[in-house]
Amino acid sequence: MPALKKAFAYLASLPPMPVLLMEALQQLSGKQNLTALVNQISQDPSMVILILRIANSPFYGMSREIGSLREAIVLLGINRVRDMLISLCFSKMLPAQHKDFNHDLFRHHSIAVAECTRNLASCTCSSPDFAFTAGLLHDIGNLVIAILFPDEFSRLVKMPAKFGIEEEQSILGFNHTDIGGRVAQYWNLPREIQEAIEQHETHPESAATKSLGLLVYTANLLIVNTEQPDQSAPDKHQAINSALAMLNVSIDQAAHCRDSSRQFADQILSLH
């Protein structure tokens, strides 16, 4: 695909992934170490403050004030704090300067899909290791298009109807799932995350294995549905029904995952 090869060459102009985020991602596949995580986060005082504010927020309903980073990690769990760390780092990276790019909406959607993917992984007894991160980065291609191809992005935004991958393909010669997968490759992210980014707009043919791509695809459908002005109930949405059937997740479970995920995104972004 010539257009995508040309776009891939532009990725060299992207900044490297933040060191703190890379270290948090490395912990996904390594042995969890409380002291190492405390020391890691402590390098960034602003990050410590944000983690403590989140731990003390009404979302978690702690019976007393959490006073130290170590205490927050013990009470919330290493995995949970790691997810927070990743989401906070993500919110700081690649600031889009494009006048037509709604950064707040993008961040809210990304964090909500991340949390929903994690919740669905728990519901299906799937490995949660990469679930949050894959959900968080699923739309990174949209942000990259706005940064590297601002004129083409303006054409897409000014279309009469909301644009999708077909319109992206027509104007760019590739779409945000293509370039998003290449970004994951450029940043040396795990193969599972790269594939989930590439697959999140494509309905799976089967659920022989409850892949990370299927989890992100379903979470994205659930969150996108709530963002539509004419949103329908999940049980009236054929694609959602089909994906949930593949995962063996009930409508009630899905609705709970969706709602709590949007609340989590609200909480994270309200503390910035």
C-alpha atoms as a PDB file:
ATOM      1  CA  MET A   1       0.000   0.000   0.000  1.00  0.00           C
ATOM      2  CA  PRO A   2       2.048   2.987  -1.261  1.00  0.00           C
ATOM      3  CA  ALA A   3       0.099   5.612   0.690  1.00  0.00           C
ATOM      4  CA  LEU A   4       0.608   3.775   3.962  1.00  0.00           C
ATOM      5  CA  LYS A   5       4.318   3.258   3.260  1.00  0.00           C
ATOM      6  CA  LYS A   6       4.642   6.995   2.696  1.00  0.00           C
ATOM      7  CA  ALA A   7       2.712   7.701   5.906  1.00  0.00           C
ATOM      8  CA  PHE A   8       4.920   5.279   7.819  1.00  0.00           C
ATOM      9  CA  ALA A   9       7.946   7.369   6.834  1.00  0.00           C
ATOM     10  CA  TYR A  10       6.345  10.363   8.559  1.00  0.00           C
ATOM     11  CA  LEU A  11       6.228   8.507  11.893  1.00  0.00           C
ATOM     12  CA  ALA A  12       9.888   9.319  12.461  1.00  0.00           C
ATOM     13  CA  SER A  13       8.756  12.878  13.227  1.00  0.00           C
ATOM     14  CA  LEU A  14       6.626  11.693  16.148  1.00  0.00           C
ATOM     15  CA  PRO A  15       8.101  12.069  19.635  1.00  0.00           C
ATOM     16  CA  PRO A  16       9.211   8.876  21.393  1.00  0.00           C
ATOM     17  CA  MET A  17       6.879   7.308  23.908  1.00  0.00           C
ATOM     18  CA  PRO A  18       7.376   8.899  27.365  1.00  0.00           C
ATOM     19  CA  VAL A  19       9.846   6.942  29.514  1.00  0.00           C
ATOM     20  CA  LEU A  20       7.382   6.710  32.410  1.00  0.00           C
ATOM     21  CA  LEU A  21       4.761   5.196  30.123  1.00  0.00           C
ATOM     22  CA  MET A  22       7.229   2.738  28.625  1.00  0.00           C
ATOM     23  CA  GLU A  23       8.241   1.575  32.092  1.00  0.00           C
ATOM     24  CA  ALA A  24       4.602   1.155  33.106  1.00  0.00           C
ATOM     25  CA  LEU A  25       3.948  -0.938  30.005  1.00  0.00           C
ATOM     26  CA  GLN A  26       6.996  -3.095  30.680  1.00  0.00           C
ATOM     27  CA  GLN A  27       5.518  -4.023  34.051  1.00  0.00           C
ATOM     28  CA  LEU A  28       2.613  -5.706  32.282  1.00  0.00           C
ATOM     29  CA  SER A  29       4.762  -8.660  31.359  1.00  0.00           C
ATOM     30  CA  GLY A  30       7.220  -8.516  34.264  1.00  0.00           C
ATOM     31  CA  LYS A  31       7.035  -9.422  37.924  1.00  0.00           C
ATOM     32  CA  GLN A  32       5.044  -6.833  39.829  1.00  0.00           C
ATOM     33  CA  ASN A  33       7.082  -4.947  42.396  1.00  0.00           C
ATOM     34  CA  LEU A  34       5.432  -2.472  44.748  1.00  0.00           C
ATOM     35  CA  THR A  35       8.620  -0.662  45.700  1.00  0.00           C
ATOM     36  CA  ALA A  36       9.707  -0.322  42.070  1.00  0.00           C
ATOM     37  CA  LEU A  37       6.328   1.151  41.102  1.00  0.00           C
ATOM     38  CA  VAL A  38       6.397   3.612  44.027  1.00  0.00           C
ATOM     39  CA  ASN A  39       9.912   4.715  43.071  1.00  0.00           C
ATOM     40  CA  GLN A  40       8.928   5.000  39.435  1.00  0.00           C
ATOM     41  CA  ILE A  41       5.921   7.241  40.032  1.00  0.00           C
ATOM     42  CA  SER A  42       7.735   9.271  42.696  1.00  0.00           C
ATOM     43  CA  GLN A  43      10.047  10.621  39.987  1.00  0.00           C
ATOM     44  CA  ASP A  44       7.143  12.800  38.834  1.00  0.00           C
ATOM     45  CA  PRO A  45       5.608  14.779  41.745  1.00  0.00           C
ATOM     46  CA  SER A  46       2.693  15.935  39.617  1.00  0.00           C
ATOM     47  CA  MET A  47       1.878  12.295  38.872  1.00  0.00           C
ATOM     48  CA  VAL A  48       1.965  11.455  42.595  1.00  0.00           C
ATOM     49  CA  ILE A  49      -0.524  14.241  43.299  1.00  0.00           C
ATOM     50  CA  LEU A  50      -2.858  13.051  40.547  1.00  0.00           C
ATOM     51  CA  ILE A  51      -2.764   9.418  41.718  1.00  0.00           C
ATOM     52  CA  LEU A  52      -3.569  10.493  45.295  1.00  0.00           C
ATOM     53  CA  ARG A  53      -6.399  12.747  44.106  1.00  0.00           C
ATOM     54  CA  ILE A  54      -7.878   9.873  42.134  1.00  0.00           C
ATOM     55  CA  ALA A  55      -7.519   7.457  45.049  1.00  0.00           C
ATOM     56  CA  ASN A  56      -9.339   9.929  47.295  1.00  0.00           C
ATOM     57  CA  SER A  57     -12.062  10.708  44.758  1.00  0.00           C
ATOM     58  CA  PRO A  58     -15.723   9.711  45.300  1.00  0.00           C
ATOM     59  CA  PHE A  59     -15.341   7.150  42.494  1.00  0.00           C
ATOM     60  CA  TYR A  60     -13.516   4.819  44.895  1.00  0.00           C
ATOM     61  CA  GLY A  61     -15.431   5.743  48.047  1.00  0.00           C
ATOM     62  CA  MET A  62     -12.578   5.165  50.492  1.00  0.00           C
ATOM     63  CA  SER A  63     -13.668   5.429  54.138  1.00  0.00           C
ATOM     64  CA  ARG A  64     -10.619   7.526  55.047  1.00  0.00           C
ATOM     65  CA  GLU A  65      -8.146   9.797  53.317  1.00  0.00           C
ATOM     66  CA  ILE A  66      -5.283   8.089  51.520  1.00  0.00           C
ATOM     67  CA  GLY A  67      -2.124   9.943  52.513  1.00  0.00           C
ATOM     68  CA  SER A  68       0.768   8.256  50.712  1.00  0.00           C
ATOM     69  CA  LEU A  69       1.482   6.869  47.282  1.00  0.00           C
ATOM     70  CA  ARG A  70       2.431   3.457  48.719  1.00  0.00           C
ATOM     71  CA  GLU A  71      -0.857   3.332  50.634  1.00  0.00           C
ATOM     72  CA  ALA A  72      -2.800   4.236  47.491  1.00  0.00           C
ATOM     73  CA  ILE A  73      -1.108   1.454  45.544  1.00  0.00           C
ATOM     74  CA  VAL A  74      -1.738  -1.113  48.296  1.00  0.00           C
ATOM     75  CA  LEU A  75      -5.429  -0.215  48.625  1.00  0.00           C
ATOM     76  CA  LEU A  76      -6.180   0.173  44.921  1.00  0.00           C
ATOM     77  CA  GLY A  77      -3.879  -2.585  43.695  1.00  0.00           C
ATOM     78  CA  ILE A  78      -0.795  -2.430  41.499  1.00  0.00           C
ATOM     79  CA  ASN A  79      -2.755  -3.217  38.327  1.00  0.00           C
ATOM     80  CA  ARG A  80      -5.253  -0.426  38.964  1.00  0.00           C
ATOM     81  CA  VAL A  81      -2.601   2.168  39.692  1.00  0.00           C
ATOM     82  CA  ARG A  82      -0.650   1.051  36.645  1.00  0.00           C
ATOM     83  CA  ASP A  83      -3.755   1.632  34.510  1.00  0.00           C
ATOM     84  CA  MET A  84      -4.142   5.097  36.024  1.00  0.00           C
ATOM     85  CA  LEU A  85      -0.487   5.824  35.323  1.00  0.00           C
ATOM     86  CA  ILE A  86      -0.854   4.780  31.706  1.00  0.00           C
ATOM     87  CA  SER A  87      -4.004   6.890  31.225  1.00  0.00           C
ATOM     88  CA  LEU A  88      -2.424   9.962  32.816  1.00  0.00           C
ATOM     89  CA  CYS A  89       0.741   9.609  30.708  1.00  0.00           C
ATOM     90  CA  PHE A  90      -1.385   9.153  27.602  1.00  0.00           C
ATOM     91  CA  SER A  91      -3.300  12.348  28.316  1.00  0.00           C
ATOM     92  CA  LYS A  92      -0.014  14.260  28.241  1.00  0.00           C
ATOM     93  CA  MET A  93       1.458  12.803  25.068  1.00  0.00           C
ATOM     94  CA  LEU A  94       1.087  13.970  21.481  1.00  0.00           C
ATOM     95  CA  PRO A  95      -0.851  17.192  22.071  1.00  0.00           C
ATOM     96  CA  ALA A  96      -2.802  17.850  18.882  1.00  0.00           C
ATOM     97  CA  GLN A  97      -2.467  21.425  17.680  1.00  0.00           C
ATOM     98  CA  HIS A  98      -5.056  21.032  14.944  1.00  0.00           C
ATOM     99  CA  LYS A  99      -7.861  23.550  15.351  1.00  0.00           C
ATOM    100  CA  ASP A 100     -10.485  20.991  14.308  1.00  0.00           C
ATOM    101  CA  PHE A 101      -9.299  18.212  16.638  1.00  0.00           C
ATOM    102  CA  ASN A 102     -11.414  17.829  19.788  1.00  0.00           C
ATOM    103  CA  HIS A 103      -8.736  16.678  22.201  1.00  0.00           C
ATOM    104  CA  ASP A 104     -11.054  16.500  25.249  1.00  0.00           C
ATOM    105  CA  LEU A 105     -13.533  14.272  23.431  1.00  0.00           C
ATOM    106  CA  PHE A 106     -10.702  12.101  22.129  1.00  0.00           C
ATOM    107  CA  ARG A 107      -9.197  11.616  25.597  1.00  0.00           C
ATOM    108  CA  HIS A 108     -12.565  10.877  27.198  1.00  0.00           C
ATOM    109  CA  HIS A 109     -13.435   8.333  24.519  1.00  0.00           C
ATOM    110  CA  SER A 110     -10.011   6.669  24.721  1.00  0.00           C
ATOM    111  CA  ILE A 111     -10.051   6.330  28.519  1.00  0.00           C
ATOM    112  CA  ALA A 112     -13.663   5.113  28.546  1.00  0.00           C
ATOM    113  CA  VAL A 113     -12.899   2.437  25.932  1.00  0.00           C
ATOM    114  CA  ALA A 114      -9.777   1.446  27.877  1.00  0.00           C
ATOM    115  CA  GLU A 115     -11.723   0.929  31.087  1.00  0.00           C
ATOM    116  CA  CYS A 116     -14.560  -0.818  29.263  1.00  0.00           C
ATOM    117  CA  THR A 117     -12.078  -3.201  27.615  1.00  0.00           C
ATOM    118  CA  ARG A 118     -10.616  -3.996  31.039  1.00  0.00           C
ATOM    119  CA  ASN A 119     -14.088  -4.590  32.480  1.00  0.00           C
ATOM    120  CA  LEU A 120     -15.061  -6.877  29.608  1.00  0.00           C
ATOM    121  CA  ALA A 121     -11.838  -8.843  30.088  1.00  0.00           C
ATOM    122  CA  SER A 122     -12.834  -9.398  33.717  1.00  0.00           C
ATOM    123  CA  CYS A 123     -16.353 -10.483  32.703  1.00  0.00           C
ATOM    124  CA  THR A 124     -15.005 -13.029  30.247  1.00  0.00           C
ATOM    125  CA  CYS A 125     -12.118 -14.295  32.401  1.00  0.00           C
ATOM    126  CA  SER A 126      -9.755 -13.122  29.664  1.00  0.00           C
ATOM    127  CA  SER A 127      -6.256 -12.001  30.491  1.00  0.00           C
ATOM    128  CA  PRO A 128      -6.456  -8.349  31.552  1.00  0.00           C
ATOM    129  CA  ASP A 129      -2.740  -7.712  31.010  1.00  0.00           C
ATOM    130  CA  PHE A 130      -2.960  -5.584  27.869  1.00  0.00           C
ATOM    131  CA  ALA A 131      -6.702  -4.852  27.908  1.00  0.00           C
ATOM    132  CA  PHE A 132      -6.593  -1.326  29.334  1.00  0.00           C
ATOM    133  CA  THR A 133      -3.630  -0.224  27.223  1.00  0.00           C
ATOM    134  CA  ALA A 134      -5.036  -1.648  23.990  1.00  0.00           C
ATOM    135  CA  GLY A 135      -8.341   0.124  24.610  1.00  0.00           C
ATOM    136  CA  LEU A 136      -6.566   3.358  25.461  1.00  0.00           C
ATOM    137  CA  LEU A 137      -4.512   3.365  22.256  1.00  0.00           C
ATOM    138  CA  HIS A 138      -7.148   1.960  19.880  1.00  0.00           C
ATOM    139  CA  ASP A 139      -7.806   5.335  18.185  1.00  0.00           C
ATOM    140  CA  ILE A 140      -4.236   6.651  18.272  1.00  0.00           C
ATOM    141  CA  GLY A 141      -4.349   6.688  14.468  1.00  0.00           C
ATOM    142  CA  ASN A 142      -6.896   9.530  14.537  1.00  0.00           C
ATOM    143  CA  LEU A 143      -4.553  11.686  16.576  1.00  0.00           C
ATOM    144  CA  VAL A 144      -1.603  10.858  14.336  1.00  0.00           C
ATOM    145  CA  ILE A 145      -3.586  11.776  11.215  1.00  0.00           C
ATOM    146  CA  ALA A 146      -4.429  15.169  12.753  1.00  0.00           C
ATOM    147  CA  ILE A 147      -0.761  15.767  13.605  1.00  0.00           C
ATOM    148  CA  LEU A 148       0.939  14.483  10.459  1.00  0.00           C
ATOM    149  CA  PHE A 149      -1.759  15.172   7.842  1.00  0.00           C
ATOM    150  CA  PRO A 150      -3.534  18.349   9.038  1.00  0.00           C
ATOM    151  CA  ASP A 151      -4.924  19.380   5.641  1.00  0.00           C
ATOM    152  CA  GLU A 152      -6.435  15.972   4.949  1.00  0.00           C
ATOM    153  CA  PHE A 153      -7.839  15.883   8.479  1.00  0.00           C
ATOM    154  CA  SER A 154      -9.559  19.229   7.863  1.00  0.00           C
ATOM    155  CA  ARG A 155     -11.199  17.798   4.735  1.00  0.00           C
ATOM    156  CA  LEU A 156     -12.480  14.836   6.740  1.00  0.00           C
ATOM    157  CA  VAL A 157     -13.844  16.975   9.577  1.00  0.00           C
ATOM    158  CA  LYS A 158     -15.665  19.283   7.139  1.00  0.00           C
ATOM    159  CA  MET A 159     -17.594  16.443   5.518  1.00  0.00           C
ATOM    160  CA  PRO A 160     -21.400  16.764   5.829  1.00  0.00           C
ATOM    161  CA  ALA A 161     -21.715  13.541   7.822  1.00  0.00           C
ATOM    162  CA  LYS A 162     -19.412  12.041  10.456  1.00  0.00           C
ATOM    163  CA  PHE A 163     -16.502  10.436   8.635  1.00  0.00           C
ATOM    164  CA  GLY A 164     -15.323   6.867   9.067  1.00  0.00           C
ATOM    165  CA  ILE A 165     -12.696   4.521   7.720  1.00  0.00           C
ATOM    166  CA  GLU A 166     -14.173   4.566   4.203  1.00  0.00           C
ATOM    167  CA  GLU A 167     -13.798   8.338   3.951  1.00  0.00           C
ATOM    168  CA  GLU A 168     -10.291   8.159   5.455  1.00  0.00           C
ATOM    169  CA  GLN A 169      -9.351   5.543   2.875  1.00  0.00           C
ATOM    170  CA  SER A 170     -10.686   7.724   0.062  1.00  0.00           C
ATOM    171  CA  ILE A 171      -8.817  10.882   1.085  1.00  0.00           C
ATOM    172  CA  LEU A 172      -5.645   9.467   2.646  1.00  0.00           C
ATOM    173  CA  GLY A 173      -5.232   6.111   0.943  1.00  0.00           C
ATOM    174  CA  PHE A 174      -5.263   4.451   4.382  1.00  0.00           C
ATOM    175  CA  ASN A 175      -7.348   4.692   7.559  1.00  0.00           C
ATOM    176  CA  HIS A 176      -6.748   5.311  11.246  1.00  0.00           C
ATOM    177  CA  THR A 177      -6.584   1.594  12.082  1.00  0.00           C
ATOM    178  CA  ASP A 178      -3.778   1.125   9.535  1.00  0.00           C
ATOM    179  CA  ILE A 179      -1.654   4.023  10.732  1.00  0.00           C
ATOM    180  CA  GLY A 180      -2.517   3.264  14.376  1.00  0.00           C
ATOM    181  CA  GLY A 181      -1.114  -0.230  13.998  1.00  0.00           C
ATOM    182  CA  ARG A 182       2.033   1.201  12.455  1.00  0.00           C
ATOM    183  CA  VAL A 183       2.410   3.632  15.383  1.00  0.00           C
ATOM    184  CA  ALA A 184       2.202   0.689  17.804  1.00  0.00           C
ATOM    185  CA  GLN A 185       4.873  -1.052  15.734  1.00  0.00           C
ATOM    186  CA  TYR A 186       7.034   2.097  15.676  1.00  0.00           C
ATOM    187  CA  TRP A 187       6.811   2.336  19.479  1.00  0.00           C
ATOM    188  CA  ASN A 188       7.638  -1.383  19.845  1.00  0.00           C
ATOM    189  CA  LEU A 189       4.391  -2.149  21.644  1.00  0.00           C
ATOM    190  CA  PRO A 190       3.408  -5.810  22.124  1.00  0.00           C
ATOM    191  CA  ARG A 191       2.028  -7.539  19.027  1.00  0.00           C
ATOM    192  CA  GLU A 192      -1.333  -8.128  20.740  1.00  0.00           C
ATOM    193  CA  ILE A 193      -1.852  -4.382  21.166  1.00  0.00           C
ATOM    194  CA  GLN A 194      -0.869  -3.677  17.577  1.00  0.00           C
ATOM    195  CA  GLU A 195      -3.373  -6.245  16.300  1.00  0.00           C
ATOM    196  CA  ALA A 196      -6.155  -4.944  18.552  1.00  0.00           C
ATOM    197  CA  ILE A 197      -5.635  -1.413  17.190  1.00  0.00           C
ATOM    198  CA  GLU A 198      -5.786  -2.731  13.634  1.00  0.00           C
ATOM    199  CA  GLN A 199      -8.922  -4.814  14.305  1.00  0.00           C
ATOM    200  CA  HIS A 200     -11.062  -2.509  16.443  1.00  0.00           C
ATOM    201  CA  GLU A 201     -13.289  -1.382  13.550  1.00  0.00           C
ATOM    202  CA  THR A 202     -13.681  -4.853  12.008  1.00  0.00           C
ATOM    203  CA  HIS A 203     -16.399  -7.273  13.085  1.00  0.00           C
ATOM    204  CA  PRO A 204     -14.714 -10.586  13.960  1.00  0.00           C
ATOM    205  CA  GLU A 205     -15.712 -13.628  11.959  1.00  0.00           C
ATOM    206  CA  SER A 206     -15.822 -15.832  15.032  1.00  0.00           C
ATOM    207  CA  ALA A 207     -14.894 -15.924  18.681  1.00  0.00           C
ATOM    208  CA  ALA A 208     -12.960 -19.163  18.669  1.00  0.00           C
ATOM    209  CA  THR A 209     -10.668 -17.274  20.990  1.00  0.00           C
ATOM    210  CA  LYS A 210     -11.765 -14.207  22.915  1.00  0.00           C
ATOM    211  CA  SER A 211      -9.034 -12.091  21.396  1.00  0.00           C
ATOM    212  CA  LEU A 212      -7.919  -8.708  22.632  1.00  0.00           C
ATOM    213  CA  GLY A 213      -9.139  -7.321  19.310  1.00  0.00           C
ATOM    214  CA  LEU A 214     -12.666  -8.601  20.000  1.00  0.00           C
ATOM    215  CA  LEU A 215     -12.654  -7.038  23.480  1.00  0.00           C
ATOM    216  CA  VAL A 216     -11.549  -3.633  22.137  1.00  0.00           C
ATOM    217  CA  TYR A 217     -13.998  -3.857  19.214  1.00  0.00           C
ATOM    218  CA  THR A 218     -16.894  -4.513  21.613  1.00  0.00           C
ATOM    219  CA  ALA A 219     -15.849  -1.850  24.106  1.00  0.00           C
ATOM    220  CA  ASN A 220     -15.560   0.705  21.315  1.00  0.00           C
ATOM    221  CA  LEU A 221     -19.065  -0.140  20.063  1.00  0.00           C
ATOM    222  CA  LEU A 222     -20.516   0.247  23.551  1.00  0.00           C
ATOM    223  CA  ILE A 223     -18.871   3.616  24.206  1.00  0.00           C
ATOM    224  CA  VAL A 224     -19.516   5.009  20.703  1.00  0.00           C
ATOM    225  CA  ASN A 225     -23.194   4.115  21.114  1.00  0.00           C
ATOM    226  CA  THR A 226     -23.450   6.369  24.178  1.00  0.00           C
ATOM    227  CA  GLU A 227     -21.819   9.244  22.296  1.00  0.00           C
ATOM    228  CA  GLN A 228     -24.457   9.323  19.535  1.00  0.00           C
ATOM    229  CA  PRO A 229     -27.206  11.948  19.789  1.00  0.00           C
ATOM    230  CA  ASP A 230     -29.740   9.308  18.722  1.00  0.00           C
ATOM    231  CA  GLN A 231     -28.234   6.461  20.735  1.00  0.00           C
ATOM    232  CA  SER A 232     -30.226   3.250  20.836  1.00  0.00           C
ATOM    233  CA  ALA A 233     -30.369   0.760  23.678  1.00  0.00           C
ATOM    234  CA  PRO A 234     -27.531  -1.771  23.383  1.00  0.00           C
ATOM    235  CA  ASP A 235     -29.991  -4.640  22.905  1.00  0.00           C
ATOM    236  CA  LYS A 236     -31.354  -2.862  19.786  1.00  0.00           C
ATOM    237  CA  HIS A 237     -27.893  -2.618  18.224  1.00  0.00           C
ATOM    238  CA  GLN A 238     -27.165  -5.631  16.019  1.00  0.00           C
ATOM    239  CA  ALA A 239     -23.378  -5.315  16.004  1.00  0.00           C
ATOM    240  CA  ILE A 240     -23.277  -4.942  19.791  1.00  0.00           C
ATOM    241  CA  ASN A 241     -25.569  -7.939  20.257  1.00  0.00           C
ATOM    242  CA  SER A 242     -23.412 -10.053  17.972  1.00  0.00           C
ATOM    243  CA  ALA A 243     -20.166  -9.070  19.716  1.00  0.00           C
ATOM    244  CA  LEU A 244     -21.623  -9.674  23.179  1.00  0.00           C
ATOM    245  CA  ALA A 245     -22.843 -13.100  22.076  1.00  0.00           C
ATOM    246  CA  MET A 246     -19.313 -13.959  20.962  1.00  0.00           C
ATOM    247  CA  LEU A 247     -18.011 -12.911  24.372  1.00  0.00           C
ATOM    248  CA  ASN A 248     -20.901 -14.557  26.231  1.00  0.00           C
ATOM    249  CA  VAL A 249     -21.575 -11.275  28.059  1.00  0.00           C
ATOM    250  CA  SER A 250     -25.140 -10.242  28.934  1.00  0.00           C
ATOM    251  CA  ILE A 251     -26.689  -6.894  28.062  1.00  0.00           C
ATOM    252  CA  ASP A 252     -26.858  -6.027  31.767  1.00  0.00           C
ATOM    253  CA  GLN A 253     -23.173  -6.827  32.252  1.00  0.00           C
ATOM    254  CA  ALA A 254     -22.281  -4.776  29.185  1.00  0.00           C
ATOM    255  CA  ALA A 255     -24.357  -1.809  30.366  1.00  0.00           C
ATOM    256  CA  HIS A 256     -22.600  -1.879  33.739  1.00  0.00           C
ATOM    257  CA  CYS A 257     -19.176  -2.046  32.048  1.00  0.00           C
ATOM    258  CA  ARG A 258     -20.112   0.852  29.791  1.00  0.00           C
ATOM    259  CA  ASP A 259     -21.523   3.122  32.509  1.00  0.00           C
ATOM    260  CA  SER A 260     -18.749   2.562  35.045  1.00  0.00           C
ATOM    261  CA  SER A 261     -16.182   3.116  32.305  1.00  0.00           C
ATOM    262  CA  ARG A 262     -17.616   6.478  31.345  1.00  0.00           C
ATOM    263  CA  GLN A 263     -17.659   7.458  35.030  1.00  0.00           C
ATOM    264  CA  PHE A 264     -13.996   6.477  35.312  1.00  0.00           C
ATOM    265  CA  ALA A 265     -13.134   8.639  32.297  1.00  0.00           C
ATOM    266  CA  ASP A 266     -15.076  11.546  33.821  1.00  0.00           C
ATOM    267  CA  GLN A 267     -13.114  11.146  37.042  1.00  0.00           C
ATOM    268  CA  ILE A 268      -9.686  10.931  35.399  1.00  0.00           C
ATOM    269  CA  LEU A 269     -10.238  13.992  33.224  1.00  0.00           C
ATOM    270  CA  SER A 270     -11.830  16.080  35.975  1.00  0.00           C
ATOM    271  CA  LEU A 271      -8.598  15.906  37.973  1.00  0.00           C
ATOM    272  CA  HIS A 272      -6.318  17.368  35.293  1.00  0.00           C
END
